[in-house]
Each structure stands twice: as C-alpha cells, then as structure tokens.
Amino acid sequence: MVRRNATAADAVAAGAPGTIALFEPAEPVYALGRRAQDAAGRAQIAQAIASCEARQIAVVDVDRGGLGTLHAPGQIVAFLAVPCPRWQARALCAELLHGIADLALHSGLRARSDLADDVGVWTADGKLASLGLRLREDVAQHGVALNVAVDRRLAQGLTLCGKPLITLANLVNRPSPNARPLADWAVELASHWGLAPQDVCSARIP
C-alpha cells in the first residue's frame, strides 16, 4: 500500500485530483518513521522493536514523520495523496485529527486531538489514533491510523508515545467490541472528513 500511495502522490504532483483511501491492514506491522531512523530515535523504541521481532511482527522503515506506529487488523488506516503546500500542513493535520475526535465524541467517547508534544488523538485511557505525513512537491502522503477493534495483546511491549493503545469499539461497545463492522466505522469516519461513502475502501491490504 505504501507503493500505491507513492504512485498516487506522484499523480497528484502531476495534476491529478487528490485521494484518501481507507483500508484495514491484513497483518500486524510496526512502522518506523523518520525519527526512528537514527541511533537516538532507534534507542527510544529498542524494546518495542525487540518485542515485535520476538513475536514475528514485521518492523519496517517508512518515509514519513513520527517514531513508531503499530498497524494491525481492526484498525482503519487512511492513506492520503492530496495537494498541500507546506504552509497548509498544520491545518491539514488538525482537520484529520479533529475528524477522528468528532467521530469519537459522536460515539459517546471524549477524546482530544493534539498537534504539540503528543501528536494524535487521545482519551483518558490512552492513544486512539496516530498521525504521520510526508510532504513532497506540495503533496501530502501517508496519513492516520485509527484503532477501532485492534487486539490489544498485539500492543503489549510496544511504545506508542509512552501510553497504551486503546480501541474505539472496545470503549464504545463494551462488552461487545465487535458489535459494529469495521466498514461502518470507516464510512462514518469518512463523513467526518466530508467524504462520500463511495470514496471509502474497507478491504484489507497486505
């Protein structure tokens, strides 16, 4: 999917319309952003990397901002390829995070978006969504990951901004976290970003 996202970003840079694709990962992967690609950053999450390797969770380097983010089944990942001059980047990030916080609030869950020290969407219980973008040729790519019904055992031993991973469905639908299909969550999230249902793809991706 990263390769598809890069291809889409190249097309947008050449004048094609922007796109936002929502998917569910097929397998867990721990993605390391640019902050983790030097010795100091790698040392911060050495324990998380070791935990992933011990459980045969793939660890990959990606060309976006951020430190380390878990992608896994039960998560909605939004890959963007949209026009975005650098001066508009903060506003784009705020819009993405506010949409997720609004979705949580609409579901009866109080959440806050943060663009400062702890980038992402948070509740009192932990981190609900992560954000990592890359800007190239006035195009934003990569995007956000929303934890909907991720198996919390996958996050054991992982550092997610120093806080536990929490999932939207587990908090909203207790004690039946899988009562609502992930595709329904994806359609509702898209509506909070002003997208139509036909713009949403909920297929799993490798």
N, C-alpha and C. Protein backbone atom coordinates (compact mmCIF):
# COMPACT_ATOMS: atom_id res chain seq x y z
N MET A 1 0.82 -1.21 0.00
CA MET A 1 0.00 0.00 0.00
C MET A 1 0.86 1.25 0.00
N VAL A 2 2.02 1.19 0.62
CA VAL A 2 2.93 2.34 0.61
C VAL A 2 3.33 2.67 -0.82
N ARG A 3 3.60 1.64 -1.62
CA ARG A 3 3.96 1.88 -3.02
C ARG A 3 2.79 2.51 -3.78
N ARG A 4 1.57 2.02 -3.53
CA ARG A 4 0.40 2.62 -4.18
C ARG A 4 0.24 4.08 -3.78
N ASN A 5 0.48 4.34 -2.50
CA ASN A 5 0.36 5.70 -2.01
C ASN A 5 1.37 6.62 -2.67
N ALA A 6 2.60 6.14 -2.85
CA ALA A 6 3.63 6.93 -3.52
C ALA A 6 3.26 7.19 -4.97
N THR A 7 2.69 6.18 -5.64
CA THR A 7 2.26 6.35 -7.03
C THR A 7 1.14 7.39 -7.11
N ALA A 8 0.19 7.32 -6.17
CA ALA A 8 -0.90 8.29 -6.15
C ALA A 8 -0.37 9.70 -5.90
N ALA A 9 0.61 9.83 -5.00
CA ALA A 9 1.19 11.15 -4.72
C ALA A 9 1.90 11.70 -5.95
N ASP A 10 2.59 10.85 -6.70
CA ASP A 10 3.24 11.30 -7.94
C ASP A 10 2.19 11.81 -8.92
N ALA A 11 1.05 11.13 -9.01
CA ALA A 11 -0.01 11.55 -9.92
C ALA A 11 -0.58 12.90 -9.50
N VAL A 12 -0.77 13.11 -8.18
CA VAL A 12 -1.29 14.38 -7.69
C VAL A 12 -0.30 15.49 -8.00
N ALA A 13 1.00 15.24 -7.83
CA ALA A 13 2.02 16.23 -8.14
C ALA A 13 1.99 16.62 -9.61
N ALA A 14 1.53 15.67 -10.46
CA ALA A 14 1.44 15.93 -11.90
C ALA A 14 0.11 16.57 -12.30
N GLY A 15 -0.78 16.79 -11.31
CA GLY A 15 -2.04 17.47 -11.60
C GLY A 15 -3.30 16.66 -11.40
N ALA A 16 -3.19 15.41 -10.99
CA ALA A 16 -4.38 14.59 -10.76
C ALA A 16 -5.08 15.03 -9.47
N PRO A 17 -6.39 14.73 -9.34
CA PRO A 17 -7.10 15.07 -8.10
C PRO A 17 -6.54 14.31 -6.91
N GLY A 18 -6.69 14.89 -5.72
CA GLY A 18 -6.26 14.23 -4.51
C GLY A 18 -7.15 13.06 -4.15
N THR A 19 -6.61 12.12 -3.38
CA THR A 19 -7.37 10.95 -2.96
C THR A 19 -7.10 10.66 -1.48
N ILE A 20 -8.10 10.05 -0.83
CA ILE A 20 -7.94 9.50 0.51
C ILE A 20 -8.51 8.09 0.48
N ALA A 21 -7.69 7.09 0.74
CA ALA A 21 -8.12 5.70 0.72
C ALA A 21 -8.08 5.14 2.14
N LEU A 22 -9.19 4.53 2.58
CA LEU A 22 -9.28 3.94 3.91
C LEU A 22 -9.23 2.43 3.80
N PHE A 23 -8.31 1.81 4.56
CA PHE A 23 -8.12 0.38 4.49
C PHE A 23 -7.92 -0.21 5.88
N GLU A 24 -8.05 -1.54 5.96
CA GLU A 24 -7.71 -2.29 7.15
C GLU A 24 -6.47 -3.14 6.85
N PRO A 25 -5.41 -3.02 7.65
CA PRO A 25 -4.23 -3.87 7.41
C PRO A 25 -4.57 -5.35 7.56
N ALA A 26 -3.94 -6.17 6.74
CA ALA A 26 -4.19 -7.61 6.80
C ALA A 26 -3.35 -8.29 7.87
N GLU A 27 -2.16 -7.77 8.13
CA GLU A 27 -1.24 -8.35 9.10
C GLU A 27 -0.64 -7.23 9.96
N PRO A 28 -0.27 -7.54 11.19
CA PRO A 28 0.36 -6.51 12.02
C PRO A 28 1.75 -6.13 11.51
N VAL A 29 2.08 -4.86 11.60
CA VAL A 29 3.41 -4.37 11.22
C VAL A 29 3.72 -3.16 12.10
N TYR A 30 4.97 -3.05 12.49
CA TYR A 30 5.41 -1.91 13.29
C TYR A 30 6.21 -1.00 12.37
N ALA A 31 5.66 0.17 12.06
CA ALA A 31 6.25 1.08 11.08
C ALA A 31 7.06 2.16 11.79
N LEU A 32 8.31 2.31 11.37
CA LEU A 32 9.22 3.26 11.99
C LEU A 32 9.34 4.50 11.11
N GLY A 33 8.95 5.66 11.65
CA GLY A 33 9.07 6.91 10.92
C GLY A 33 10.48 7.47 10.96
N ARG A 34 10.65 8.66 10.41
CA ARG A 34 11.99 9.22 10.27
C ARG A 34 12.68 9.46 11.61
N ARG A 35 11.91 9.74 12.67
CA ARG A 35 12.52 9.95 13.98
C ARG A 35 13.19 8.69 14.51
N ALA A 36 12.78 7.54 14.01
CA ALA A 36 13.35 6.27 14.48
C ALA A 36 14.49 5.77 13.61
N GLN A 37 14.87 6.55 12.61
CA GLN A 37 15.85 6.08 11.65
C GLN A 37 17.24 6.64 11.89
N ASP A 38 17.48 7.13 13.12
CA ASP A 38 18.83 7.42 13.55
C ASP A 38 19.06 6.71 14.88
N ALA A 39 20.29 6.72 15.36
CA ALA A 39 20.64 5.92 16.54
C ALA A 39 19.85 6.35 17.76
N ALA A 40 19.67 7.65 17.95
CA ALA A 40 18.97 8.14 19.14
C ALA A 40 17.50 7.73 19.12
N GLY A 41 16.86 7.92 17.98
CA GLY A 41 15.45 7.54 17.88
C GLY A 41 15.26 6.04 18.01
N ARG A 42 16.12 5.28 17.36
CA ARG A 42 16.02 3.82 17.43
C ARG A 42 16.18 3.34 18.87
N ALA A 43 17.06 4.00 19.62
CA ALA A 43 17.27 3.60 21.02
C ALA A 43 16.01 3.81 21.86
N GLN A 44 15.21 4.84 21.53
CA GLN A 44 13.99 5.11 22.29
C GLN A 44 12.99 3.97 22.22
N ILE A 45 12.99 3.27 21.10
CA ILE A 45 11.98 2.21 20.92
C ILE A 45 12.63 0.86 20.71
N ALA A 46 13.86 0.70 21.23
CA ALA A 46 14.57 -0.57 21.07
C ALA A 46 13.78 -1.73 21.69
N GLN A 47 13.15 -1.48 22.84
CA GLN A 47 12.37 -2.55 23.49
C GLN A 47 11.18 -2.94 22.64
N ALA A 48 10.52 -1.96 22.03
CA ALA A 48 9.38 -2.25 21.17
C ALA A 48 9.79 -3.05 19.95
N ILE A 49 10.93 -2.68 19.36
CA ILE A 49 11.41 -3.42 18.19
C ILE A 49 11.74 -4.86 18.57
N ALA A 50 12.40 -5.04 19.71
CA ALA A 50 12.73 -6.39 20.16
C ALA A 50 11.47 -7.21 20.43
N SER A 51 10.45 -6.57 21.01
CA SER A 51 9.19 -7.27 21.27
C SER A 51 8.54 -7.72 19.98
N CYS A 52 8.55 -6.86 18.98
CA CYS A 52 7.97 -7.22 17.68
C CYS A 52 8.74 -8.38 17.04
N GLU A 53 10.05 -8.29 17.06
CA GLU A 53 10.85 -9.34 16.44
C GLU A 53 10.64 -10.67 17.13
N ALA A 54 10.48 -10.65 18.46
CA ALA A 54 10.25 -11.89 19.20
C ALA A 54 8.92 -12.53 18.83
N ARG A 55 7.95 -11.71 18.45
CA ARG A 55 6.62 -12.22 18.09
C ARG A 55 6.42 -12.30 16.59
N GLN A 56 7.50 -12.09 15.83
CA GLN A 56 7.48 -12.16 14.37
C GLN A 56 6.51 -11.14 13.77
N ILE A 57 6.43 -9.96 14.39
CA ILE A 57 5.72 -8.83 13.80
C ILE A 57 6.73 -8.05 12.97
N ALA A 58 6.41 -7.83 11.70
CA ALA A 58 7.35 -7.16 10.81
C ALA A 58 7.65 -5.74 11.30
N VAL A 59 8.90 -5.34 11.20
CA VAL A 59 9.34 -3.99 11.54
C VAL A 59 9.88 -3.36 10.25
N VAL A 60 9.29 -2.25 9.82
CA VAL A 60 9.67 -1.65 8.54
C VAL A 60 9.93 -0.16 8.72
N ASP A 61 10.86 0.37 7.93
CA ASP A 61 11.12 1.81 7.87
C ASP A 61 10.22 2.43 6.81
N VAL A 62 9.64 3.59 7.14
CA VAL A 62 8.79 4.31 6.18
C VAL A 62 9.23 5.76 6.12
N ASP A 63 8.95 6.41 4.98
CA ASP A 63 9.45 7.77 4.76
C ASP A 63 8.41 8.82 5.16
N ARG A 64 7.98 8.76 6.41
CA ARG A 64 7.07 9.76 6.95
C ARG A 64 7.58 10.20 8.31
N GLY A 65 6.93 11.21 8.87
CA GLY A 65 7.31 11.67 10.19
C GLY A 65 6.89 10.68 11.26
N GLY A 66 7.34 10.94 12.48
CA GLY A 66 6.94 10.11 13.60
C GLY A 66 8.01 9.14 14.05
N LEU A 67 7.70 8.40 15.11
CA LEU A 67 8.64 7.46 15.70
C LEU A 67 8.25 6.04 15.32
N GLY A 68 7.38 5.39 16.13
CA GLY A 68 6.95 4.04 15.82
C GLY A 68 5.45 3.91 15.96
N THR A 69 4.79 3.28 14.98
CA THR A 69 3.34 3.11 14.99
C THR A 69 2.98 1.68 14.61
N LEU A 70 2.09 1.10 15.39
CA LEU A 70 1.59 -0.24 15.07
C LEU A 70 0.44 -0.14 14.08
N HIS A 71 0.51 -0.91 12.99
CA HIS A 71 -0.62 -1.10 12.08
C HIS A 71 -1.05 -2.55 12.19
N ALA A 72 -2.37 -2.78 12.30
CA ALA A 72 -2.84 -4.14 12.57
C ALA A 72 -4.28 -4.30 12.13
N PRO A 73 -4.73 -5.56 11.94
CA PRO A 73 -6.16 -5.80 11.70
C PRO A 73 -7.00 -5.17 12.81
N GLY A 74 -8.18 -4.68 12.42
CA GLY A 74 -9.02 -3.98 13.39
C GLY A 74 -8.75 -2.50 13.44
N GLN A 75 -7.90 -2.03 12.54
CA GLN A 75 -7.52 -0.61 12.50
C GLN A 75 -7.93 -0.03 11.14
N ILE A 76 -8.36 1.22 11.14
CA ILE A 76 -8.60 1.95 9.89
C ILE A 76 -7.38 2.80 9.61
N VAL A 77 -6.75 2.55 8.47
CA VAL A 77 -5.60 3.33 8.04
C VAL A 77 -6.02 4.17 6.84
N ALA A 78 -5.82 5.47 6.94
CA ALA A 78 -6.15 6.38 5.84
C ALA A 78 -4.86 6.83 5.17
N PHE A 79 -4.70 6.46 3.91
CA PHE A 79 -3.57 6.91 3.12
C PHE A 79 -4.01 8.08 2.25
N LEU A 80 -3.32 9.20 2.40
CA LEU A 80 -3.65 10.41 1.66
C LEU A 80 -2.68 10.62 0.50
N ALA A 81 -3.18 11.23 -0.53
CA ALA A 81 -2.35 11.81 -1.58
C ALA A 81 -3.11 13.06 -2.01
N VAL A 82 -2.82 14.18 -1.36
CA VAL A 82 -3.61 15.40 -1.56
C VAL A 82 -2.70 16.61 -1.72
N PRO A 83 -3.11 17.59 -2.55
CA PRO A 83 -2.31 18.81 -2.65
C PRO A 83 -2.21 19.50 -1.29
N CYS A 84 -1.00 19.92 -0.92
CA CYS A 84 -0.82 20.56 0.39
C CYS A 84 0.49 21.33 0.41
N PRO A 85 0.45 22.63 0.11
CA PRO A 85 1.65 23.45 0.31
C PRO A 85 2.09 23.37 1.76
N ARG A 86 3.36 23.55 2.01
CA ARG A 86 3.89 23.38 3.36
C ARG A 86 3.18 24.26 4.37
N TRP A 87 2.78 25.46 3.96
CA TRP A 87 2.13 26.36 4.92
C TRP A 87 0.74 25.88 5.33
N GLN A 88 0.18 24.92 4.58
CA GLN A 88 -1.14 24.38 4.94
C GLN A 88 -1.06 23.05 5.70
N ALA A 89 0.15 22.57 5.95
CA ALA A 89 0.31 21.24 6.53
C ALA A 89 -0.32 21.14 7.92
N ARG A 90 -0.11 22.15 8.75
CA ARG A 90 -0.65 22.09 10.11
C ARG A 90 -2.18 22.06 10.08
N ALA A 91 -2.77 22.84 9.18
CA ALA A 91 -4.23 22.85 9.08
C ALA A 91 -4.75 21.49 8.62
N LEU A 92 -4.04 20.84 7.70
CA LEU A 92 -4.45 19.51 7.24
C LEU A 92 -4.38 18.51 8.39
N CYS A 93 -3.29 18.54 9.14
CA CYS A 93 -3.15 17.62 10.28
C CYS A 93 -4.28 17.85 11.29
N ALA A 94 -4.57 19.13 11.57
CA ALA A 94 -5.64 19.44 12.52
C ALA A 94 -6.98 18.91 12.04
N GLU A 95 -7.26 19.06 10.74
CA GLU A 95 -8.53 18.59 10.18
C GLU A 95 -8.66 17.07 10.31
N LEU A 96 -7.59 16.35 10.02
CA LEU A 96 -7.61 14.89 10.11
C LEU A 96 -7.87 14.44 11.55
N LEU A 97 -7.15 15.04 12.49
CA LEU A 97 -7.29 14.63 13.89
C LEU A 97 -8.63 15.06 14.46
N HIS A 98 -9.10 16.25 14.12
CA HIS A 98 -10.39 16.71 14.62
C HIS A 98 -11.52 15.81 14.13
N GLY A 99 -11.41 15.32 12.88
CA GLY A 99 -12.43 14.42 12.36
C GLY A 99 -12.54 13.14 13.18
N ILE A 100 -11.39 12.61 13.59
CA ILE A 100 -11.40 11.40 14.42
C ILE A 100 -11.95 11.70 15.81
N ALA A 101 -11.53 12.83 16.39
CA ALA A 101 -12.05 13.21 17.70
C ALA A 101 -13.56 13.43 17.66
N ASP A 102 -14.06 14.01 16.56
CA ASP A 102 -15.51 14.21 16.41
C ASP A 102 -16.23 12.86 16.30
N LEU A 103 -15.63 11.91 15.58
CA LEU A 103 -16.21 10.57 15.47
C LEU A 103 -16.32 9.93 16.86
N ALA A 104 -15.27 10.07 17.65
CA ALA A 104 -15.30 9.51 19.00
C ALA A 104 -16.38 10.18 19.84
N LEU A 105 -16.47 11.51 19.75
CA LEU A 105 -17.47 12.24 20.52
C LEU A 105 -18.87 11.84 20.10
N HIS A 106 -19.09 11.68 18.80
CA HIS A 106 -20.39 11.27 18.28
C HIS A 106 -20.77 9.88 18.78
N SER A 107 -19.75 9.09 19.13
CA SER A 107 -19.98 7.74 19.65
C SER A 107 -20.06 7.72 21.17
N GLY A 108 -20.04 8.90 21.79
CA GLY A 108 -20.17 8.99 23.24
C GLY A 108 -18.87 8.91 23.99
N LEU A 109 -17.74 9.12 23.30
CA LEU A 109 -16.42 8.99 23.91
C LEU A 109 -15.68 10.33 23.82
N ARG A 110 -15.23 10.84 24.94
CA ARG A 110 -14.49 12.10 24.95
C ARG A 110 -13.05 11.85 24.52
N ALA A 111 -12.62 12.60 23.53
CA ALA A 111 -11.26 12.46 23.02
C ALA A 111 -10.72 13.84 22.68
N ARG A 112 -9.41 13.98 22.68
CA ARG A 112 -8.78 15.25 22.33
C ARG A 112 -7.74 14.99 21.24
N SER A 113 -7.62 15.94 20.34
CA SER A 113 -6.58 15.87 19.32
C SER A 113 -5.41 16.75 19.76
N ASP A 114 -4.21 16.32 19.42
CA ASP A 114 -3.00 17.01 19.88
C ASP A 114 -2.04 17.15 18.71
N LEU A 115 -1.61 18.38 18.45
CA LEU A 115 -0.61 18.62 17.41
C LEU A 115 0.70 19.09 18.01
N ALA A 116 0.81 19.04 19.34
CA ALA A 116 2.02 19.53 20.00
C ALA A 116 2.95 18.38 20.36
N ASP A 117 3.08 18.09 21.64
CA ASP A 117 4.06 17.09 22.08
C ASP A 117 3.62 15.67 21.78
N ASP A 118 2.34 15.38 21.97
CA ASP A 118 1.82 14.02 21.79
C ASP A 118 0.87 13.99 20.59
N VAL A 119 1.44 14.01 19.39
CA VAL A 119 0.63 14.10 18.18
C VAL A 119 -0.27 12.87 18.07
N GLY A 120 -1.56 13.13 17.86
CA GLY A 120 -2.52 12.04 17.71
C GLY A 120 -3.84 12.39 18.35
N VAL A 121 -4.67 11.38 18.55
CA VAL A 121 -5.96 11.54 19.24
C VAL A 121 -5.91 10.69 20.49
N TRP A 122 -6.33 11.28 21.62
CA TRP A 122 -6.16 10.66 22.92
C TRP A 122 -7.46 10.65 23.70
N THR A 123 -7.62 9.65 24.56
CA THR A 123 -8.66 9.64 25.57
C THR A 123 -7.96 9.49 26.92
N ALA A 124 -8.73 9.49 27.98
CA ALA A 124 -8.14 9.31 29.30
C ALA A 124 -7.48 7.94 29.44
N ASP A 125 -7.85 6.98 28.57
CA ASP A 125 -7.33 5.61 28.68
C ASP A 125 -6.09 5.36 27.83
N GLY A 126 -5.79 6.25 26.89
CA GLY A 126 -4.62 6.02 26.06
C GLY A 126 -4.77 6.60 24.67
N LYS A 127 -3.93 6.13 23.75
CA LYS A 127 -3.87 6.68 22.40
C LYS A 127 -4.84 5.98 21.47
N LEU A 128 -5.70 6.77 20.83
CA LEU A 128 -6.74 6.25 19.95
C LEU A 128 -6.31 6.27 18.49
N ALA A 129 -5.53 7.28 18.09
CA ALA A 129 -5.15 7.40 16.67
C ALA A 129 -3.78 8.04 16.56
N SER A 130 -3.04 7.64 15.52
CA SER A 130 -1.70 8.17 15.24
C SER A 130 -1.71 8.90 13.91
N LEU A 131 -0.77 9.82 13.75
CA LEU A 131 -0.66 10.59 12.51
C LEU A 131 0.80 10.66 12.09
N GLY A 132 1.04 10.49 10.81
CA GLY A 132 2.38 10.65 10.25
C GLY A 132 2.28 10.99 8.78
N LEU A 133 2.79 12.14 8.39
CA LEU A 133 2.70 12.59 7.00
C LEU A 133 4.09 12.81 6.40
N ARG A 134 4.12 12.82 5.10
CA ARG A 134 5.29 13.25 4.36
C ARG A 134 4.84 14.30 3.35
N LEU A 135 5.56 15.41 3.28
CA LEU A 135 5.28 16.44 2.28
C LEU A 135 6.37 16.40 1.22
N ARG A 136 5.94 16.29 -0.03
CA ARG A 136 6.88 16.24 -1.15
C ARG A 136 6.23 16.89 -2.36
N GLU A 137 6.88 17.89 -2.93
CA GLU A 137 6.37 18.59 -4.11
C GLU A 137 4.96 19.11 -3.87
N ASP A 138 4.74 19.68 -2.67
CA ASP A 138 3.44 20.25 -2.30
C ASP A 138 2.32 19.21 -2.31
N VAL A 139 2.67 17.98 -2.03
CA VAL A 139 1.69 16.89 -1.90
C VAL A 139 1.91 16.20 -0.55
N ALA A 140 0.81 16.00 0.20
CA ALA A 140 0.87 15.25 1.45
C ALA A 140 0.54 13.79 1.19
N GLN A 141 1.34 12.89 1.74
CA GLN A 141 1.06 11.47 1.61
C GLN A 141 1.24 10.78 2.96
N HIS A 142 0.97 9.48 3.00
CA HIS A 142 0.78 8.71 4.23
C HIS A 142 -0.48 9.22 4.92
N GLY A 143 -0.57 9.25 6.26
CA GLY A 143 -1.83 9.70 6.84
C GLY A 143 -2.02 9.35 8.30
N VAL A 144 -3.17 8.71 8.61
CA VAL A 144 -3.53 8.45 10.00
C VAL A 144 -3.96 6.99 10.17
N ALA A 145 -3.88 6.53 11.43
CA ALA A 145 -4.32 5.18 11.77
C ALA A 145 -5.21 5.27 13.00
N LEU A 146 -6.44 4.79 12.88
CA LEU A 146 -7.43 4.82 13.97
C LEU A 146 -7.63 3.41 14.49
N ASN A 147 -7.41 3.22 15.79
CA ASN A 147 -7.61 1.92 16.42
C ASN A 147 -9.10 1.72 16.70
N VAL A 148 -9.72 0.81 15.97
CA VAL A 148 -11.16 0.55 16.14
C VAL A 148 -11.38 -0.70 16.98
N ALA A 149 -10.87 -1.83 16.54
CA ALA A 149 -11.06 -3.09 17.28
C ALA A 149 -9.79 -3.93 17.22
N VAL A 150 -8.65 -3.28 17.45
CA VAL A 150 -7.36 -3.97 17.42
C VAL A 150 -7.23 -4.87 18.64
N ASP A 151 -6.68 -6.06 18.45
CA ASP A 151 -6.40 -6.96 19.55
C ASP A 151 -5.33 -6.32 20.43
N ARG A 152 -5.70 -5.93 21.64
CA ARG A 152 -4.78 -5.18 22.49
C ARG A 152 -3.56 -5.99 22.89
N ARG A 153 -3.62 -7.32 22.75
CA ARG A 153 -2.44 -8.13 23.05
C ARG A 153 -1.31 -7.83 22.08
N LEU A 154 -1.65 -7.36 20.87
CA LEU A 154 -0.61 -7.03 19.90
C LEU A 154 0.25 -5.87 20.37
N ALA A 155 -0.33 -4.97 21.16
CA ALA A 155 0.39 -3.77 21.59
C ALA A 155 1.22 -3.99 22.84
N GLN A 156 1.14 -5.15 23.44
CA GLN A 156 1.92 -5.40 24.64
C GLN A 156 3.41 -5.31 24.33
N GLY A 157 4.12 -4.52 25.12
CA GLY A 157 5.55 -4.35 24.93
C GLY A 157 5.92 -3.30 23.91
N LEU A 158 4.92 -2.64 23.29
CA LEU A 158 5.20 -1.61 22.30
C LEU A 158 5.08 -0.23 22.93
N THR A 159 5.93 0.67 22.48
CA THR A 159 5.89 2.06 22.94
C THR A 159 5.09 2.88 21.93
N LEU A 160 3.93 3.37 22.34
CA LEU A 160 3.11 4.22 21.49
C LEU A 160 3.02 5.58 22.18
N CYS A 161 4.06 6.38 21.98
CA CYS A 161 4.17 7.69 22.65
C CYS A 161 4.14 7.53 24.17
N GLY A 162 4.62 6.40 24.66
CA GLY A 162 4.68 6.19 26.09
C GLY A 162 3.35 5.87 26.75
N LYS A 163 2.29 5.68 25.96
CA LYS A 163 0.96 5.43 26.51
C LYS A 163 0.37 4.17 25.89
N PRO A 164 -0.62 3.54 26.56
CA PRO A 164 -1.21 2.32 26.00
C PRO A 164 -2.06 2.61 24.76
N LEU A 165 -2.10 1.63 23.86
CA LEU A 165 -3.01 1.69 22.73
C LEU A 165 -4.41 1.37 23.23
N ILE A 166 -5.39 2.17 22.83
CA ILE A 166 -6.78 1.88 23.16
C ILE A 166 -7.59 1.85 21.87
N THR A 167 -8.73 1.16 21.90
CA THR A 167 -9.52 0.99 20.69
C THR A 167 -10.92 1.55 20.87
N LEU A 168 -11.41 2.17 19.81
CA LEU A 168 -12.69 2.84 19.84
C LEU A 168 -13.84 1.89 20.16
N ALA A 169 -13.88 0.77 19.47
CA ALA A 169 -15.00 -0.16 19.65
C ALA A 169 -15.02 -0.76 21.05
N ASN A 170 -13.83 -1.07 21.59
CA ASN A 170 -13.78 -1.63 22.94
C ASN A 170 -14.35 -0.66 23.96
N LEU A 171 -14.13 0.64 23.78
CA LEU A 171 -14.62 1.63 24.73
C LEU A 171 -16.09 1.94 24.52
N VAL A 172 -16.53 1.98 23.26
CA VAL A 172 -17.90 2.38 22.95
C VAL A 172 -18.88 1.23 23.13
N ASN A 173 -18.46 0.02 22.73
CA ASN A 173 -19.39 -1.11 22.67
C ASN A 173 -19.21 -2.12 23.79
N ARG A 174 -18.59 -1.75 24.89
CA ARG A 174 -18.43 -2.71 25.98
C ARG A 174 -19.78 -3.36 26.31
N PRO A 175 -19.82 -4.68 26.53
CA PRO A 175 -18.69 -5.63 26.48
C PRO A 175 -18.58 -6.36 25.15
N SER A 176 -19.13 -5.82 24.07
CA SER A 176 -19.12 -6.49 22.75
C SER A 176 -18.38 -5.63 21.74
N PRO A 177 -17.03 -5.62 21.75
CA PRO A 177 -16.28 -4.68 20.92
C PRO A 177 -16.43 -4.88 19.43
N ASN A 178 -16.88 -6.06 19.00
CA ASN A 178 -17.01 -6.31 17.56
C ASN A 178 -18.45 -6.22 17.09
N ALA A 179 -19.30 -5.53 17.85
CA ALA A 179 -20.72 -5.47 17.50
C ALA A 179 -20.97 -4.69 16.21
N ARG A 180 -20.08 -3.78 15.84
CA ARG A 180 -20.27 -2.96 14.65
C ARG A 180 -19.15 -3.24 13.66
N PRO A 181 -19.48 -3.53 12.39
CA PRO A 181 -18.44 -3.84 11.41
C PRO A 181 -17.47 -2.69 11.22
N LEU A 182 -16.22 -3.03 10.94
CA LEU A 182 -15.20 -2.00 10.72
C LEU A 182 -15.57 -1.10 9.54
N ALA A 183 -16.19 -1.67 8.51
CA ALA A 183 -16.57 -0.87 7.34
C ALA A 183 -17.54 0.24 7.72
N ASP A 184 -18.43 -0.01 8.69
CA ASP A 184 -19.35 1.04 9.12
C ASP A 184 -18.61 2.18 9.80
N TRP A 185 -17.61 1.82 10.61
CA TRP A 185 -16.79 2.86 11.24
C TRP A 185 -16.07 3.68 10.17
N ALA A 186 -15.57 2.99 9.12
CA ALA A 186 -14.85 3.69 8.06
C ALA A 186 -15.75 4.68 7.33
N VAL A 187 -16.98 4.27 7.05
CA VAL A 187 -17.92 5.16 6.36
C VAL A 187 -18.22 6.38 7.24
N GLU A 188 -18.41 6.15 8.55
CA GLU A 188 -18.71 7.28 9.43
C GLU A 188 -17.51 8.20 9.55
N LEU A 189 -16.31 7.63 9.65
CA LEU A 189 -15.11 8.48 9.70
C LEU A 189 -15.00 9.33 8.44
N ALA A 190 -15.26 8.71 7.29
CA ALA A 190 -15.20 9.46 6.03
C ALA A 190 -16.17 10.63 6.06
N SER A 191 -17.35 10.44 6.64
CA SER A 191 -18.33 11.53 6.68
C SER A 191 -17.83 12.70 7.52
N HIS A 192 -17.04 12.41 8.56
CA HIS A 192 -16.49 13.48 9.39
C HIS A 192 -15.37 14.23 8.66
N TRP A 193 -14.84 13.63 7.60
CA TRP A 193 -13.87 14.31 6.75
C TRP A 193 -14.50 14.89 5.49
N GLY A 194 -15.84 14.79 5.38
CA GLY A 194 -16.52 15.33 4.22
C GLY A 194 -16.43 14.45 2.99
N LEU A 195 -16.17 13.15 3.16
CA LEU A 195 -16.08 12.22 2.04
C LEU A 195 -17.38 11.45 1.90
N ALA A 196 -17.71 11.07 0.68
CA ALA A 196 -18.90 10.26 0.41
C ALA A 196 -18.59 8.78 0.64
N PRO A 197 -19.61 7.96 0.94
CA PRO A 197 -19.36 6.53 1.18
C PRO A 197 -18.64 5.84 0.03
N GLN A 198 -18.89 6.26 -1.20
CA GLN A 198 -18.25 5.59 -2.32
C GLN A 198 -16.73 5.86 -2.37
N ASP A 199 -16.28 6.84 -1.59
CA ASP A 199 -14.85 7.12 -1.55
C ASP A 199 -14.10 6.18 -0.60
N VAL A 200 -14.84 5.36 0.13
CA VAL A 200 -14.25 4.54 1.19
C VAL A 200 -14.01 3.12 0.68
N CYS A 201 -12.80 2.63 0.87
CA CYS A 201 -12.49 1.23 0.59
C CYS A 201 -12.12 0.58 1.90
N SER A 202 -12.84 -0.45 2.32
CA SER A 202 -12.60 -1.09 3.60
C SER A 202 -11.91 -2.45 3.45
N ALA A 203 -11.39 -2.74 2.24
CA ALA A 203 -10.74 -4.01 2.04
C ALA A 203 -9.44 -4.10 2.85
N ARG A 204 -9.08 -5.32 3.21
CA ARG A 204 -7.80 -5.49 3.89
C ARG A 204 -6.67 -5.39 2.87
N ILE A 205 -5.54 -4.87 3.33
CA ILE A 205 -4.39 -4.72 2.43
C ILE A 205 -3.21 -5.44 3.02
N PRO A 206 -2.34 -5.96 2.16
CA PRO A 206 -1.11 -6.61 2.64
C PRO A 206 -0.09 -5.58 3.07
